[in-house]
Amino acid sequence: MRTEVREVDVFQVLDEFEEVIQNSKKVPITGKILISEEVLLEFVDRIRTILPEEVHQAKLLSKERERVIQEAREEADRILSEVREEVNRLTSESELTKQAQTAAEEIVSQAKRVAREIKTGATEYADEILRQVEGNLDQNLAVIRKAREELNQMK
């Protein structure tokens, strides 16, 4: 929820900035506009205060991904441990030895498959979120670069 609020903040500031640009006085013949340095710097500062939060959110998502992967590994290890215990118990009963081996292999295979699915899902989720954050950051940097170019052209 917090990420959505920050994204709205970034886009709101950019919308305001765009409105200032569109409503600025135009310099005849040149096709350029006049915006005070103070106004430009205020928008740059506002964007700078918002961007670190987006970067922070990306880091949190990365940590969450690692946590989910670690939980998947721990769950797989727990399942494997249970399987081994079950195998040991079943193999001690001579007439059920073959059945125990087959069941154990199936359980181990299933545990490994579940662990892979959990890891794959967590990785894909984290990658998608990071891709979205990267796109937002690219858009914001493009606006900042354009504003700085216009500011430098006014010197």
C-alpha atoms as a PDB file:
ATOM      1  CA  MET A   1       0.000   0.000   0.000  1.00  0.00           C
ATOM      2  CA  ARG A   2       2.802   2.404   0.859  1.00  0.00           C
ATOM      3  CA  THR A   3       4.464   1.919  -2.532  1.00  0.00           C
ATOM      4  CA  GLU A   4       1.252   2.940  -4.301  1.00  0.00           C
ATOM      5  CA  VAL A   5       1.049   6.140  -2.240  1.00  0.00           C
ATOM      6  CA  ARG A   6       4.661   7.065  -3.116  1.00  0.00           C
ATOM      7  CA  GLU A   7       4.106   6.355  -6.803  1.00  0.00           C
ATOM      8  CA  VAL A   8       1.110   8.676  -6.754  1.00  0.00           C
ATOM      9  CA  ASP A   9       3.299  11.309  -5.068  1.00  0.00           C
ATOM     10  CA  VAL A  10       5.949  11.053  -7.795  1.00  0.00           C
ATOM     11  CA  PHE A  11       3.431  11.260 -10.584  1.00  0.00           C
ATOM     12  CA  GLN A  12       1.558  14.081  -8.873  1.00  0.00           C
ATOM     13  CA  VAL A  13       4.775  16.133  -8.659  1.00  0.00           C
ATOM     14  CA  LEU A  14       5.565  15.363 -12.287  1.00  0.00           C
ATOM     15  CA  ASP A  15       2.038  16.372 -13.325  1.00  0.00           C
ATOM     16  CA  GLU A  16       2.416  19.659 -11.442  1.00  0.00           C
ATOM     17  CA  PHE A  17       5.793  20.210 -13.097  1.00  0.00           C
ATOM     18  CA  GLU A  18       4.300  19.547 -16.520  1.00  0.00           C
ATOM     19  CA  GLU A  19       1.500  22.031 -15.791  1.00  0.00           C
ATOM     20  CA  VAL A  20       4.041  24.707 -14.813  1.00  0.00           C
ATOM     21  CA  ILE A  21       5.924  24.083 -18.065  1.00  0.00           C
ATOM     22  CA  GLN A  22       2.757  24.287 -20.153  1.00  0.00           C
ATOM     23  CA  ASN A  23       1.609  27.486 -18.435  1.00  0.00           C
ATOM     24  CA  SER A  24       4.993  29.250 -18.526  1.00  0.00           C
ATOM     25  CA  LYS A  25       5.623  32.379 -20.552  1.00  0.00           C
ATOM     26  CA  LYS A  26       6.947  31.663 -24.016  1.00  0.00           C
ATOM     27  CA  VAL A  27       9.917  33.497 -25.507  1.00  0.00           C
ATOM     28  CA  PRO A  28       8.861  34.776 -28.923  1.00  0.00           C
ATOM     29  CA  ILE A  29      10.452  33.204 -32.001  1.00  0.00           C
ATOM     30  CA  THR A  30      12.671  30.789 -30.003  1.00  0.00           C
ATOM     31  CA  GLY A  31      10.012  28.283 -29.028  1.00  0.00           C
ATOM     32  CA  LYS A  32      11.453  28.281 -25.517  1.00  0.00           C
ATOM     33  CA  ILE A  33       9.768  29.045 -22.215  1.00  0.00           C
ATOM     34  CA  LEU A  34      10.745  31.017 -19.150  1.00  0.00           C
ATOM     35  CA  ILE A  35      10.645  29.271 -15.789  1.00  0.00           C
ATOM     36  CA  SER A  36      12.331  30.691 -12.752  1.00  0.00           C
ATOM     37  CA  GLU A  37      15.315  28.804 -11.415  1.00  0.00           C
ATOM     38  CA  GLU A  38      13.639  28.714  -7.998  1.00  0.00           C
ATOM     39  CA  VAL A  39      10.581  26.895  -9.398  1.00  0.00           C
ATOM     40  CA  LEU A  40      12.727  24.365 -11.267  1.00  0.00           C
ATOM     41  CA  LEU A  41      14.895  23.667  -8.243  1.00  0.00           C
ATOM     42  CA  GLU A  42      11.817  23.256  -6.049  1.00  0.00           C
ATOM     43  CA  PHE A  43      10.503  20.510  -8.344  1.00  0.00           C
ATOM     44  CA  VAL A  44      13.911  18.825  -8.495  1.00  0.00           C
ATOM     45  CA  ASP A  45      14.087  18.860  -4.689  1.00  0.00           C
ATOM     46  CA  ARG A  46      10.572  17.443  -4.338  1.00  0.00           C
ATOM     47  CA  ILE A  47      11.381  14.625  -6.754  1.00  0.00           C
ATOM     48  CA  ARG A  48      14.653  13.920  -4.959  1.00  0.00           C
ATOM     49  CA  THR A  49      12.831  13.499  -1.650  1.00  0.00           C
ATOM     50  CA  ILE A  50      10.421  10.990  -3.192  1.00  0.00           C
ATOM     51  CA  LEU A  51      12.923   8.890  -5.179  1.00  0.00           C
ATOM     52  CA  PRO A  52      14.860   7.538  -2.171  1.00  0.00           C
ATOM     53  CA  GLU A  53      11.606   6.063  -0.878  1.00  0.00           C
ATOM     54  CA  GLU A  54      11.104   4.246  -4.187  1.00  0.00           C
ATOM     55  CA  VAL A  55      14.640   2.898  -4.021  1.00  0.00           C
ATOM     56  CA  HIS A  56      13.997   1.871  -0.419  1.00  0.00           C
ATOM     57  CA  GLN A  57      10.836   0.034  -1.514  1.00  0.00           C
ATOM     58  CA  ALA A  58      12.823  -1.822  -4.171  1.00  0.00           C
ATOM     59  CA  LYS A  59      15.360  -2.895  -1.531  1.00  0.00           C
ATOM     60  CA  LEU A  60      12.548  -4.056   0.743  1.00  0.00           C
ATOM     61  CA  LEU A  61      11.065  -6.104  -2.084  1.00  0.00           C
ATOM     62  CA  SER A  62      14.441  -7.678  -2.730  1.00  0.00           C
ATOM     63  CA  LYS A  63      14.790  -8.567   0.953  1.00  0.00           C
ATOM     64  CA  GLU A  64      11.243  -9.978   0.943  1.00  0.00           C
ATOM     65  CA  ARG A  65      12.144 -12.119  -2.067  1.00  0.00           C
ATOM     66  CA  GLU A  66      15.194 -13.458  -0.248  1.00  0.00           C
ATOM     67  CA  ARG A  67      13.086 -14.166   2.830  1.00  0.00           C
ATOM     68  CA  VAL A  68      10.516 -16.102   0.785  1.00  0.00           C
ATOM     69  CA  ILE A  69      13.262 -18.100  -0.914  1.00  0.00           C
ATOM     70  CA  GLN A  70      14.871 -18.848   2.467  1.00  0.00           C
ATOM     71  CA  GLU A  71      11.510 -19.980   3.858  1.00  0.00           C
ATOM     72  CA  ALA A  72      11.067 -22.236   0.827  1.00  0.00           C
ATOM     73  CA  ARG A  73      14.492 -23.751   1.438  1.00  0.00           C
ATOM     74  CA  GLU A  74      13.741 -24.267   5.116  1.00  0.00           C
ATOM     75  CA  GLU A  75      10.407 -25.875   4.258  1.00  0.00           C
ATOM     76  CA  ALA A  76      12.102 -28.150   1.731  1.00  0.00           C
ATOM     77  CA  ASP A  77      14.748 -29.089   4.309  1.00  0.00           C
ATOM     78  CA  ARG A  78      12.040 -29.807   6.867  1.00  0.00           C
ATOM     79  CA  ILE A  79      10.142 -31.956   4.392  1.00  0.00           C
ATOM     80  CA  LEU A  80      13.335 -33.800   3.440  1.00  0.00           C
ATOM     81  CA  SER A  81      14.103 -34.412   7.106  1.00  0.00           C
ATOM     82  CA  GLU A  82      10.615 -35.799   7.655  1.00  0.00           C
ATOM     83  CA  VAL A  83      11.033 -37.954   4.574  1.00  0.00           C
ATOM     84  CA  ARG A  84      14.319 -39.331   5.834  1.00  0.00           C
ATOM     85  CA  GLU A  85      12.762 -40.112   9.192  1.00  0.00           C
ATOM     86  CA  GLU A  86       9.876 -41.817   7.444  1.00  0.00           C
ATOM     87  CA  VAL A  87      12.276 -43.762   5.236  1.00  0.00           C
ATOM     88  CA  ASN A  88      14.252 -44.918   8.260  1.00  0.00           C
ATOM     89  CA  ARG A  89      11.082 -45.984  10.029  1.00  0.00           C
ATOM     90  CA  LEU A  90       9.717 -47.832   7.021  1.00  0.00           C
ATOM     91  CA  THR A  91      12.969 -49.553   6.129  1.00  0.00           C
ATOM     92  CA  SER A  92      13.173 -51.034   9.587  1.00  0.00           C
ATOM     93  CA  GLU A  93      10.093 -53.088   8.774  1.00  0.00           C
ATOM     94  CA  SER A  94      11.445 -55.824   6.487  1.00  0.00           C
ATOM     95  CA  GLU A  95       8.292 -56.613   4.493  1.00  0.00           C
ATOM     96  CA  LEU A  96       7.596 -52.947   3.727  1.00  0.00           C
ATOM     97  CA  THR A  97      11.115 -52.035   2.665  1.00  0.00           C
ATOM     98  CA  LYS A  98      10.368 -51.749  -1.057  1.00  0.00           C
ATOM     99  CA  GLN A  99       7.174 -49.781  -0.486  1.00  0.00           C
ATOM    100  CA  ALA A 100       8.980 -47.449   1.889  1.00  0.00           C
ATOM    101  CA  GLN A 101      11.738 -46.769  -0.619  1.00  0.00           C
ATOM    102  CA  THR A 102       9.241 -45.968  -3.369  1.00  0.00           C
ATOM    103  CA  ALA A 103       7.161 -43.736  -1.088  1.00  0.00           C
ATOM    104  CA  ALA A 104      10.262 -41.945   0.145  1.00  0.00           C
ATOM    105  CA  GLU A 105      11.452 -41.244  -3.382  1.00  0.00           C
ATOM    106  CA  GLU A 106       8.048 -39.892  -4.320  1.00  0.00           C
ATOM    107  CA  ILE A 107       7.960 -37.660  -1.255  1.00  0.00           C
ATOM    108  CA  VAL A 108      11.492 -36.377  -1.888  1.00  0.00           C
ATOM    109  CA  SER A 109      10.633 -35.715  -5.530  1.00  0.00           C
ATOM    110  CA  GLN A 110       7.452 -33.913  -4.539  1.00  0.00           C
ATOM    111  CA  ALA A 111       9.279 -31.841  -1.897  1.00  0.00           C
ATOM    112  CA  LYS A 112      11.916 -30.795  -4.419  1.00  0.00           C
ATOM    113  CA  ARG A 113       9.242 -29.896  -6.974  1.00  0.00           C
ATOM    114  CA  VAL A 114       7.305 -27.809  -4.431  1.00  0.00           C
ATOM    115  CA  ALA A 115      10.494 -26.032  -3.344  1.00  0.00           C
ATOM    116  CA  ARG A 116      11.343 -25.224  -6.994  1.00  0.00           C
ATOM    117  CA  GLU A 117       7.829 -23.902  -7.630  1.00  0.00           C
ATOM    118  CA  ILE A 118       7.926 -21.698  -4.536  1.00  0.00           C
ATOM    119  CA  LYS A 119      11.355 -20.342  -5.442  1.00  0.00           C
ATOM    120  CA  THR A 120      10.352 -19.718  -9.064  1.00  0.00           C
ATOM    121  CA  GLY A 121       7.171 -17.901  -8.025  1.00  0.00           C
ATOM    122  CA  ALA A 122       9.005 -15.726  -5.516  1.00  0.00           C
ATOM    123  CA  THR A 123      11.707 -14.858  -8.039  1.00  0.00           C
ATOM    124  CA  GLU A 124       9.190 -13.963 -10.755  1.00  0.00           C
ATOM    125  CA  TYR A 125       7.161 -11.811  -8.347  1.00  0.00           C
ATOM    126  CA  ALA A 126      10.228  -9.920  -7.111  1.00  0.00           C
ATOM    127  CA  ASP A 127      11.514  -9.433 -10.673  1.00  0.00           C
ATOM    128  CA  GLU A 128       8.172  -7.985 -11.819  1.00  0.00           C
ATOM    129  CA  ILE A 129       8.025  -5.536  -8.900  1.00  0.00           C
ATOM    130  CA  LEU A 130      11.639  -4.467  -9.454  1.00  0.00           C
ATOM    131  CA  ARG A 131      10.929  -4.034 -13.190  1.00  0.00           C
ATOM    132  CA  GLN A 132       8.030  -1.706 -12.375  1.00  0.00           C
ATOM    133  CA  VAL A 133      10.123   0.317  -9.921  1.00  0.00           C
ATOM    134  CA  GLU A 134      12.932   0.513 -12.502  1.00  0.00           C
ATOM    135  CA  GLY A 135      10.477   1.825 -15.089  1.00  0.00           C
ATOM    136  CA  ASN A 136       9.219   4.486 -12.670  1.00  0.00           C
ATOM    137  CA  LEU A 137      12.768   5.539 -11.853  1.00  0.00           C
ATOM    138  CA  ASP A 138      13.682   5.723 -15.567  1.00  0.00           C
ATOM    139  CA  GLN A 139      10.677   7.982 -16.215  1.00  0.00           C
ATOM    140  CA  ASN A 140      11.568  10.215 -13.289  1.00  0.00           C
ATOM    141  CA  LEU A 141      15.213  10.488 -14.346  1.00  0.00           C
ATOM    142  CA  ALA A 142      14.178  11.417 -17.890  1.00  0.00           C
ATOM    143  CA  VAL A 143      12.035  14.269 -16.556  1.00  0.00           C
ATOM    144  CA  ILE A 144      14.849  15.479 -14.313  1.00  0.00           C
ATOM    145  CA  ARG A 145      17.382  15.347 -17.147  1.00  0.00           C
ATOM    146  CA  LYS A 146      15.053  17.298 -19.433  1.00  0.00           C
ATOM    147  CA  ALA A 147      14.472  19.918 -16.742  1.00  0.00           C
ATOM    148  CA  ARG A 148      18.209  20.283 -16.162  1.00  0.00           C
ATOM    149  CA  GLU A 149      18.827  20.636 -19.912  1.00  0.00           C
ATOM    150  CA  GLU A 150      16.211  23.370 -20.137  1.00  0.00           C
ATOM    151  CA  LEU A 151      17.699  25.051 -17.090  1.00  0.00           C
ATOM    152  CA  ASN A 152      21.190  24.896 -18.593  1.00  0.00           C
ATOM    153  CA  GLN A 153      19.917  26.293 -21.872  1.00  0.00           C
ATOM    154  CA  MET A 154      18.552  29.315 -19.998  1.00  0.00           C
ATOM    155  CA  LYS A 155      21.986  30.247 -18.639  1.00  0.00           C
END
